[in-house]
Amino acid sequence: MKKYFRFDENQTSYRREILGGLTTFLSMAYILAVNPQILSLAGVEGVPDALKMDQGAVFVATALAAFVGCLFMGLIAKYPIALAPG
């Protein structure tokens, strides 16, 4: 793993990468709660229930999109950028 991600070339360590990943996750985790509220039209009067998005489905779609985006950026691009919808 050290060779694949070029830790020595980038002057980093496992500890630094784990702390960076944890910090990024905690700063982005809010979108899992906010996105379903926004997309389900919570609090908007006059919108029929048939037009509202299911909050559980939006939560899962948001989590999967963030997972795939982060996975591709990390493993294919080898670039430490987190991606999430929102």
C-alpha atoms as a PDB file:
ATOM      1  CA  MET A   1       0.000   0.000   0.000  1.00  0.00           C
ATOM      2  CA  LYS A   2       2.860   2.346   0.823  1.00  0.00           C
ATOM      3  CA  LYS A   3       4.345   1.840  -2.632  1.00  0.00           C
ATOM      4  CA  TYR A   4       1.015   2.045  -4.509  1.00  0.00           C
ATOM      5  CA  PHE A   5       0.068   5.406  -2.978  1.00  0.00           C
ATOM      6  CA  ARG A   6       3.682   6.666  -2.996  1.00  0.00           C
ATOM      7  CA  PHE A   7       3.818   7.574   0.694  1.00  0.00           C
ATOM      8  CA  ASP A   8       7.549   8.291   0.642  1.00  0.00           C
ATOM      9  CA  GLU A   9       7.332  10.468  -2.461  1.00  0.00           C
ATOM     10  CA  ASN A  10       4.409  12.414  -0.966  1.00  0.00           C
ATOM     11  CA  GLN A  11       6.069  12.623   2.473  1.00  0.00           C
ATOM     12  CA  THR A  12       3.155  11.085   4.364  1.00  0.00           C
ATOM     13  CA  SER A  13       2.483   8.144   6.690  1.00  0.00           C
ATOM     14  CA  TYR A  14      -0.307   5.707   7.552  1.00  0.00           C
ATOM     15  CA  ARG A  15      -1.175   7.749  10.648  1.00  0.00           C
ATOM     16  CA  ARG A  16      -1.431  11.009   8.714  1.00  0.00           C
ATOM     17  CA  GLU A  17      -3.575   9.417   6.003  1.00  0.00           C
ATOM     18  CA  ILE A  18      -5.924   7.785   8.537  1.00  0.00           C
ATOM     19  CA  LEU A  19      -6.347  11.078  10.413  1.00  0.00           C
ATOM     20  CA  GLY A  20      -6.939  12.936   7.148  1.00  0.00           C
ATOM     21  CA  GLY A  21      -9.528  10.398   6.035  1.00  0.00           C
ATOM     22  CA  LEU A  22     -11.331  10.490   9.382  1.00  0.00           C
ATOM     23  CA  THR A  23     -11.385  14.294   9.372  1.00  0.00           C
ATOM     24  CA  THR A  24     -12.732  14.358   5.821  1.00  0.00           C
ATOM     25  CA  PHE A  25     -15.412  11.787   6.654  1.00  0.00           C
ATOM     26  CA  LEU A  26     -16.588  13.708   9.710  1.00  0.00           C
ATOM     27  CA  SER A  27     -16.730  16.987   7.803  1.00  0.00           C
ATOM     28  CA  MET A  28     -18.759  15.410   4.971  1.00  0.00           C
ATOM     29  CA  ALA A  29     -21.062  13.134   6.987  1.00  0.00           C
ATOM     30  CA  TYR A  30     -23.647  15.900   7.430  1.00  0.00           C
ATOM     31  CA  ILE A  31     -24.718  15.484   3.812  1.00  0.00           C
ATOM     32  CA  LEU A  32     -26.198  12.067   4.660  1.00  0.00           C
ATOM     33  CA  ALA A  33     -28.709  13.806   6.929  1.00  0.00           C
ATOM     34  CA  VAL A  34     -29.227  16.985   4.902  1.00  0.00           C
ATOM     35  CA  ASN A  35     -29.632  15.569   1.387  1.00  0.00           C
ATOM     36  CA  PRO A  36     -32.729  13.429   2.154  1.00  0.00           C
ATOM     37  CA  GLN A  37     -34.391  16.426   3.821  1.00  0.00           C
ATOM     38  CA  ILE A  38     -33.728  18.669   0.841  1.00  0.00           C
ATOM     39  CA  LEU A  39     -34.708  16.192  -1.853  1.00  0.00           C
ATOM     40  CA  SER A  40     -37.825  14.902  -0.112  1.00  0.00           C
ATOM     41  CA  LEU A  41     -39.273  18.439  -0.038  1.00  0.00           C
ATOM     42  CA  ALA A  42     -39.609  18.309   3.743  1.00  0.00           C
ATOM     43  CA  GLY A  43     -41.583  21.229   5.080  1.00  0.00           C
ATOM     44  CA  VAL A  44     -42.927  22.373   1.707  1.00  0.00           C
ATOM     45  CA  GLU A  45     -46.670  22.859   1.858  1.00  0.00           C
ATOM     46  CA  GLY A  46     -48.908  21.875  -1.006  1.00  0.00           C
ATOM     47  CA  VAL A  47     -46.676  19.162  -2.455  1.00  0.00           C
ATOM     48  CA  PRO A  48     -48.575  15.878  -2.800  1.00  0.00           C
ATOM     49  CA  ASP A  49     -47.034  12.832  -1.120  1.00  0.00           C
ATOM     50  CA  ALA A  50     -46.789  11.116  -4.505  1.00  0.00           C
ATOM     51  CA  LEU A  51     -44.223  13.730  -5.620  1.00  0.00           C
ATOM     52  CA  LYS A  52     -42.023  13.510  -2.525  1.00  0.00           C
ATOM     53  CA  MET A  53     -38.894  11.345  -2.683  1.00  0.00           C
ATOM     54  CA  ASP A  54     -38.459   8.532  -0.175  1.00  0.00           C
ATOM     55  CA  GLN A  55     -35.942   9.702   2.453  1.00  0.00           C
ATOM     56  CA  GLY A  56     -34.481   6.229   2.928  1.00  0.00           C
ATOM     57  CA  ALA A  57     -33.862   5.829  -0.782  1.00  0.00           C
ATOM     58  CA  VAL A  58     -32.231   9.264  -0.998  1.00  0.00           C
ATOM     59  CA  PHE A  59     -29.998   8.395   1.974  1.00  0.00           C
ATOM     60  CA  VAL A  60     -28.838   5.162   0.334  1.00  0.00           C
ATOM     61  CA  ALA A  61     -28.317   6.831  -3.056  1.00  0.00           C
ATOM     62  CA  THR A  62     -26.281   9.620  -1.434  1.00  0.00           C
ATOM     63  CA  ALA A  63     -24.123   7.139   0.487  1.00  0.00           C
ATOM     64  CA  LEU A  64     -23.521   4.969  -2.596  1.00  0.00           C
ATOM     65  CA  ALA A  65     -22.674   7.950  -4.804  1.00  0.00           C
ATOM     66  CA  ALA A  66     -20.183   9.237  -2.216  1.00  0.00           C
ATOM     67  CA  PHE A  67     -18.664   5.766  -1.846  1.00  0.00           C
ATOM     68  CA  VAL A  68     -18.182   5.276  -5.589  1.00  0.00           C
ATOM     69  CA  GLY A  69     -16.821   8.794  -6.111  1.00  0.00           C
ATOM     70  CA  CYS A  70     -14.327   8.515  -3.251  1.00  0.00           C
ATOM     71  CA  LEU A  71     -13.305   5.005  -4.293  1.00  0.00           C
ATOM     72  CA  PHE A  72     -12.544   6.094  -7.856  1.00  0.00           C
ATOM     73  CA  MET A  73     -10.649   9.196  -6.738  1.00  0.00           C
ATOM     74  CA  GLY A  74      -8.565   7.174  -4.291  1.00  0.00           C
ATOM     75  CA  LEU A  75      -7.841   3.982  -6.198  1.00  0.00           C
ATOM     76  CA  ILE A  76      -7.836   5.081  -9.820  1.00  0.00           C
ATOM     77  CA  ALA A  77      -6.761   8.731  -9.700  1.00  0.00           C
ATOM     78  CA  LYS A  78      -4.658   8.272  -6.532  1.00  0.00           C
ATOM     79  CA  TYR A  79      -5.790  11.735  -5.520  1.00  0.00           C
ATOM     80  CA  PRO A  80      -6.942  12.523  -1.953  1.00  0.00           C
ATOM     81  CA  ILE A  81     -10.213  14.252  -2.771  1.00  0.00           C
ATOM     82  CA  ALA A  82     -13.568  13.173  -1.364  1.00  0.00           C
ATOM     83  CA  LEU A  83     -16.653  13.473  -3.567  1.00  0.00           C
ATOM     84  CA  ALA A  84     -20.276  13.490  -2.464  1.00  0.00           C
ATOM     85  CA  PRO A  85     -23.553  14.772  -3.901  1.00  0.00           C
ATOM     86  CA  GLY A  86     -25.068  17.849  -2.397  1.00  0.00           C
END
